[in-house]
Amino acid sequence: MRIALGADHAGFELKECVKVRLLELKHQVLDLGTHGTEPVDYPDFAEAVGLAVRDRKVRRGVLVCGSGVGASVAANKIPGVRAGLCHDHYSAHQGVEHDDMNVLVMGGRVIGESVALELVRAFVDAKYTGEKRHQQRLQKVKALERRFARQTRAR
């Protein structure tokens, strides 16, 4: 699977660990930065990963910032992105299976390396079930996105 990675300075070290693991698992990695610990702004990297997912340059994305909250908020502003902030195994796979989550967001100052690598593995191994009840809910989410996009354009 081709996966985009992005992080701000607070998530840089964890992103690097995730990159190594994904490569070990034979995934293709598109590293969109940051490439060091100098302070940067998380929305820039959330946008880069979100656009890569939206434009189908990658199948999924992983974002890491300090808490994960900011990157999650920013990524979810991009139509077609379903980013979930996960700090537990269940949410990392269930978000894909039920909600077709396509971006995993984690807090580099919240969880450690071993938990993060477990979550990434659960995320990339999970598949959307496509069950009728999940499809119905996902269609409602997409309808919300379209409705509010139209309202924003009309202003």
C-alpha atoms as a PDB file:
ATOM      1  CA  MET A   1       0.000   0.000   0.000  1.00  0.00           C
ATOM      2  CA  ARG A   2       1.186   3.543  -0.698  1.00  0.00           C
ATOM      3  CA  ILE A   3       0.954   5.684   2.446  1.00  0.00           C
ATOM      4  CA  ALA A   4       1.652   9.391   2.970  1.00  0.00           C
ATOM      5  CA  LEU A   5       3.333  10.493   6.185  1.00  0.00           C
ATOM      6  CA  GLY A   6       3.372  13.946   7.686  1.00  0.00           C
ATOM      7  CA  ALA A   7       4.274  15.513  11.005  1.00  0.00           C
ATOM      8  CA  ASP A   8       5.124  18.773  12.648  1.00  0.00           C
ATOM      9  CA  HIS A   9       8.231  19.179  14.799  1.00  0.00           C
ATOM     10  CA  ALA A  10       6.522  17.564  17.810  1.00  0.00           C
ATOM     11  CA  GLY A  11       5.700  14.482  15.770  1.00  0.00           C
ATOM     12  CA  PHE A  12       8.892  14.249  13.735  1.00  0.00           C
ATOM     13  CA  GLU A  13      10.633  11.526  15.742  1.00  0.00           C
ATOM     14  CA  LEU A  14       7.551   9.322  15.892  1.00  0.00           C
ATOM     15  CA  LYS A  15       6.960   9.827  12.156  1.00  0.00           C
ATOM     16  CA  GLU A  16      10.470   8.586  11.483  1.00  0.00           C
ATOM     17  CA  CYS A  17       9.806   5.422  13.530  1.00  0.00           C
ATOM     18  CA  VAL A  18       6.544   4.874  11.663  1.00  0.00           C
ATOM     19  CA  LYS A  19       8.319   5.300   8.333  1.00  0.00           C
ATOM     20  CA  VAL A  20      10.874   2.620   9.194  1.00  0.00           C
ATOM     21  CA  ARG A  21       8.139   0.199  10.269  1.00  0.00           C
ATOM     22  CA  LEU A  22       6.048   0.781   7.161  1.00  0.00           C
ATOM     23  CA  LEU A  23       9.055   0.172   4.942  1.00  0.00           C
ATOM     24  CA  GLU A  24       9.825  -3.027   6.884  1.00  0.00           C
ATOM     25  CA  LEU A  25       6.248  -4.115   6.193  1.00  0.00           C
ATOM     26  CA  LYS A  26       6.888  -3.512   2.457  1.00  0.00           C
ATOM     27  CA  HIS A  27       4.616  -0.484   2.109  1.00  0.00           C
ATOM     28  CA  GLN A  28       5.526   2.440  -0.130  1.00  0.00           C
ATOM     29  CA  VAL A  29       5.994   5.646   1.851  1.00  0.00           C
ATOM     30  CA  LEU A  30       5.548   9.199   0.651  1.00  0.00           C
ATOM     31  CA  ASP A  31       7.213  11.317   3.339  1.00  0.00           C
ATOM     32  CA  LEU A  32       5.768  14.820   3.120  1.00  0.00           C
ATOM     33  CA  GLY A  33       7.732  16.214   6.049  1.00  0.00           C
ATOM     34  CA  THR A  34       8.689  17.762   8.263  1.00  0.00           C
ATOM     35  CA  HIS A  35      12.286  16.603   8.076  1.00  0.00           C
ATOM     36  CA  GLY A  36      13.615  17.891  11.380  1.00  0.00           C
ATOM     37  CA  THR A  37      12.757  19.258  14.795  1.00  0.00           C
ATOM     38  CA  GLU A  38      12.716  22.962  13.917  1.00  0.00           C
ATOM     39  CA  PRO A  39       9.305  24.459  14.779  1.00  0.00           C
ATOM     40  CA  VAL A  40       6.793  24.279  11.923  1.00  0.00           C
ATOM     41  CA  ASP A  41       3.007  24.526  11.618  1.00  0.00           C
ATOM     42  CA  TYR A  42       0.963  21.315  11.652  1.00  0.00           C
ATOM     43  CA  PRO A  43      -1.717  22.564   9.185  1.00  0.00           C
ATOM     44  CA  ASP A  44       0.865  22.593   6.391  1.00  0.00           C
ATOM     45  CA  PHE A  45       1.576  18.890   6.817  1.00  0.00           C
ATOM     46  CA  ALA A  46      -2.060  17.956   7.430  1.00  0.00           C
ATOM     47  CA  GLU A  47      -2.892  19.653   4.138  1.00  0.00           C
ATOM     48  CA  ALA A  48      -0.090  17.875   2.276  1.00  0.00           C
ATOM     49  CA  VAL A  49      -1.146  14.448   3.532  1.00  0.00           C
ATOM     50  CA  GLY A  50      -4.844  15.212   3.050  1.00  0.00           C
ATOM     51  CA  LEU A  51      -4.327  16.334  -0.533  1.00  0.00           C
ATOM     52  CA  ALA A  52      -2.261  13.236  -1.303  1.00  0.00           C
ATOM     53  CA  VAL A  53      -5.163  11.099  -0.057  1.00  0.00           C
ATOM     54  CA  ARG A  54      -7.829  13.201  -1.781  1.00  0.00           C
ATOM     55  CA  ASP A  55      -5.948  13.188  -5.081  1.00  0.00           C
ATOM     56  CA  ARG A  56      -5.337   9.416  -4.796  1.00  0.00           C
ATOM     57  CA  LYS A  57      -1.574   9.713  -4.876  1.00  0.00           C
ATOM     58  CA  VAL A  58      -1.712   7.429  -1.842  1.00  0.00           C
ATOM     59  CA  ARG A  59      -4.300   5.080  -0.418  1.00  0.00           C
ATOM     60  CA  ARG A  60      -3.972   6.245   3.192  1.00  0.00           C
ATOM     61  CA  GLY A  61      -2.143   8.758   5.334  1.00  0.00           C
ATOM     62  CA  VAL A  62      -0.595   9.008   8.782  1.00  0.00           C
ATOM     63  CA  LEU A  63      -0.167  12.309  10.617  1.00  0.00           C
ATOM     64  CA  VAL A  64       1.613  13.045  13.882  1.00  0.00           C
ATOM     65  CA  CYS A  65       1.615  16.305  15.815  1.00  0.00           C
ATOM     66  CA  GLY A  66       2.045  17.003  19.513  1.00  0.00           C
ATOM     67  CA  SER A  67      -1.422  15.970  20.673  1.00  0.00           C
ATOM     68  CA  GLY A  68      -2.869  14.852  17.345  1.00  0.00           C
ATOM     69  CA  VAL A  69      -5.815  17.203  17.799  1.00  0.00           C
ATOM     70  CA  GLY A  70      -4.629  20.038  15.562  1.00  0.00           C
ATOM     71  CA  ALA A  71      -3.559  17.791  12.700  1.00  0.00           C
ATOM     72  CA  SER A  72      -6.865  15.935  12.907  1.00  0.00           C
ATOM     73  CA  VAL A  73      -8.894  19.141  12.794  1.00  0.00           C
ATOM     74  CA  ALA A  74      -6.874  20.484   9.869  1.00  0.00           C
ATOM     75  CA  ALA A  75      -6.925  17.267   7.820  1.00  0.00           C
ATOM     76  CA  ASN A  76     -10.686  16.932   8.182  1.00  0.00           C
ATOM     77  CA  LYS A  77     -11.183  20.296   6.448  1.00  0.00           C
ATOM     78  CA  ILE A  78     -10.187  18.656   3.168  1.00  0.00           C
ATOM     79  CA  PRO A  79     -13.132  17.095   1.326  1.00  0.00           C
ATOM     80  CA  GLY A  80     -12.757  13.339   1.057  1.00  0.00           C
ATOM     81  CA  VAL A  81     -10.457  13.051   4.048  1.00  0.00           C
ATOM     82  CA  ARG A  82     -11.701  11.063   7.012  1.00  0.00           C
ATOM     83  CA  ALA A  83      -8.998  11.544   9.609  1.00  0.00           C
ATOM     84  CA  GLY A  84      -9.310   9.922  13.002  1.00  0.00           C
ATOM     85  CA  LEU A  85      -7.302  10.720  16.104  1.00  0.00           C
ATOM     86  CA  CYS A  86      -6.486   7.345  17.631  1.00  0.00           C
ATOM     87  CA  HIS A  87      -4.506   6.411  20.703  1.00  0.00           C
ATOM     88  CA  ASP A  88      -5.853   2.875  21.116  1.00  0.00           C
ATOM     89  CA  HIS A  89      -5.775  -0.274  19.006  1.00  0.00           C
ATOM     90  CA  TYR A  90      -9.541  -0.669  18.690  1.00  0.00           C
ATOM     91  CA  SER A  91     -10.118   2.814  17.260  1.00  0.00           C
ATOM     92  CA  ALA A  92      -7.258   2.436  14.764  1.00  0.00           C
ATOM     93  CA  HIS A  93      -8.819  -0.572  13.053  1.00  0.00           C
ATOM     94  CA  GLN A  94     -12.496   0.108  13.773  1.00  0.00           C
ATOM     95  CA  GLY A  95     -12.208   3.570  12.206  1.00  0.00           C
ATOM     96  CA  VAL A  96     -11.279   1.933   8.924  1.00  0.00           C
ATOM     97  CA  GLU A  97     -13.672  -1.014   9.188  1.00  0.00           C
ATOM     98  CA  HIS A  98     -16.779   1.030  10.029  1.00  0.00           C
ATOM     99  CA  ASP A  99     -16.045   4.623   8.956  1.00  0.00           C
ATOM    100  CA  ASP A 100     -13.645   4.135   6.038  1.00  0.00           C
ATOM    101  CA  MET A 101     -11.086   6.290   7.854  1.00  0.00           C
ATOM    102  CA  ASN A 102      -8.267   7.092   5.445  1.00  0.00           C
ATOM    103  CA  VAL A 103      -5.922   9.125   7.670  1.00  0.00           C
ATOM    104  CA  LEU A 104      -4.640   7.981  11.054  1.00  0.00           C
ATOM    105  CA  VAL A 105      -3.663  10.825  13.375  1.00  0.00           C
ATOM    106  CA  MET A 106      -1.599  10.331  16.532  1.00  0.00           C
ATOM    107  CA  GLY A 107      -0.144  12.532  19.232  1.00  0.00           C
ATOM    108  CA  GLY A 108       3.625  12.299  19.415  1.00  0.00           C
ATOM    109  CA  ARG A 109       3.551  13.698  22.958  1.00  0.00           C
ATOM    110  CA  VAL A 110       0.698  11.427  24.000  1.00  0.00           C
ATOM    111  CA  ILE A 111       1.731   7.905  23.022  1.00  0.00           C
ATOM    112  CA  GLY A 112       5.041   6.137  22.802  1.00  0.00           C
ATOM    113  CA  GLU A 113       6.699   4.388  19.922  1.00  0.00           C
ATOM    114  CA  SER A 114       5.467   0.862  20.660  1.00  0.00           C
ATOM    115  CA  VAL A 115       1.818   1.929  20.870  1.00  0.00           C
ATOM    116  CA  ALA A 116       2.142   4.058  17.738  1.00  0.00           C
ATOM    117  CA  LEU A 117       3.601   1.185  15.751  1.00  0.00           C
ATOM    118  CA  GLU A 118       0.797  -1.097  16.954  1.00  0.00           C
ATOM    119  CA  LEU A 119      -1.786   1.471  15.854  1.00  0.00           C
ATOM    120  CA  VAL A 120      -0.192   1.929  12.441  1.00  0.00           C
ATOM    121  CA  ARG A 121      -0.189  -1.824  11.896  1.00  0.00           C
ATOM    122  CA  ALA A 122      -3.864  -2.074  12.895  1.00  0.00           C
ATOM    123  CA  PHE A 123      -4.710   0.869  10.601  1.00  0.00           C
ATOM    124  CA  VAL A 124      -2.954  -0.439   7.493  1.00  0.00           C
ATOM    125  CA  ASP A 125      -4.159  -4.011   7.994  1.00  0.00           C
ATOM    126  CA  ALA A 126      -7.809  -2.987   8.418  1.00  0.00           C
ATOM    127  CA  LYS A 127     -10.295  -2.957   5.579  1.00  0.00           C
ATOM    128  CA  TYR A 128     -13.615  -1.164   5.243  1.00  0.00           C
ATOM    129  CA  THR A 129     -16.354  -3.777   5.702  1.00  0.00           C
ATOM    130  CA  GLY A 130     -18.848  -2.117   3.389  1.00  0.00           C
ATOM    131  CA  GLU A 131     -21.710  -3.460   5.495  1.00  0.00           C
ATOM    132  CA  LYS A 132     -25.029  -1.823   4.676  1.00  0.00           C
ATOM    133  CA  ARG A 133     -25.260   0.020   8.009  1.00  0.00           C
ATOM    134  CA  HIS A 134     -21.741   1.409   7.582  1.00  0.00           C
ATOM    135  CA  GLN A 135     -22.389   2.416   3.973  1.00  0.00           C
ATOM    136  CA  GLN A 136     -25.542   4.231   5.025  1.00  0.00           C
ATOM    137  CA  ARG A 137     -23.665   6.184   7.708  1.00  0.00           C
ATOM    138  CA  LEU A 138     -20.752   6.974   5.409  1.00  0.00           C
ATOM    139  CA  GLN A 139     -23.176   8.297   2.783  1.00  0.00           C
ATOM    140  CA  LYS A 140     -24.637  10.619   5.429  1.00  0.00           C
ATOM    141  CA  VAL A 141     -21.145  11.886   6.281  1.00  0.00           C
ATOM    142  CA  LYS A 142     -20.444  12.537   2.604  1.00  0.00           C
ATOM    143  CA  ALA A 143     -23.797  14.326   2.246  1.00  0.00           C
ATOM    144  CA  LEU A 144     -22.894  16.591   5.169  1.00  0.00           C
ATOM    145  CA  GLU A 145     -19.597  17.387   3.512  1.00  0.00           C
ATOM    146  CA  ARG A 146     -21.274  18.254   0.191  1.00  0.00           C
ATOM    147  CA  ARG A 147     -24.022  20.331   1.822  1.00  0.00           C
ATOM    148  CA  PHE A 148     -21.640  22.468   3.836  1.00  0.00           C
ATOM    149  CA  ALA A 149     -19.232  22.828   0.912  1.00  0.00           C
ATOM    150  CA  ARG A 150     -22.089  24.296  -1.165  1.00  0.00           C
ATOM    151  CA  GLN A 151     -23.060  26.658   1.660  1.00  0.00           C
ATOM    152  CA  THR A 152     -19.483  27.846   2.004  1.00  0.00           C
ATOM    153  CA  ARG A 153     -19.212  28.528  -1.755  1.00  0.00           C
ATOM    154  CA  ALA A 154     -22.512  30.422  -1.705  1.00  0.00           C
ATOM    155  CA  ARG A 155     -21.248  32.930   0.892  1.00  0.00           C
END
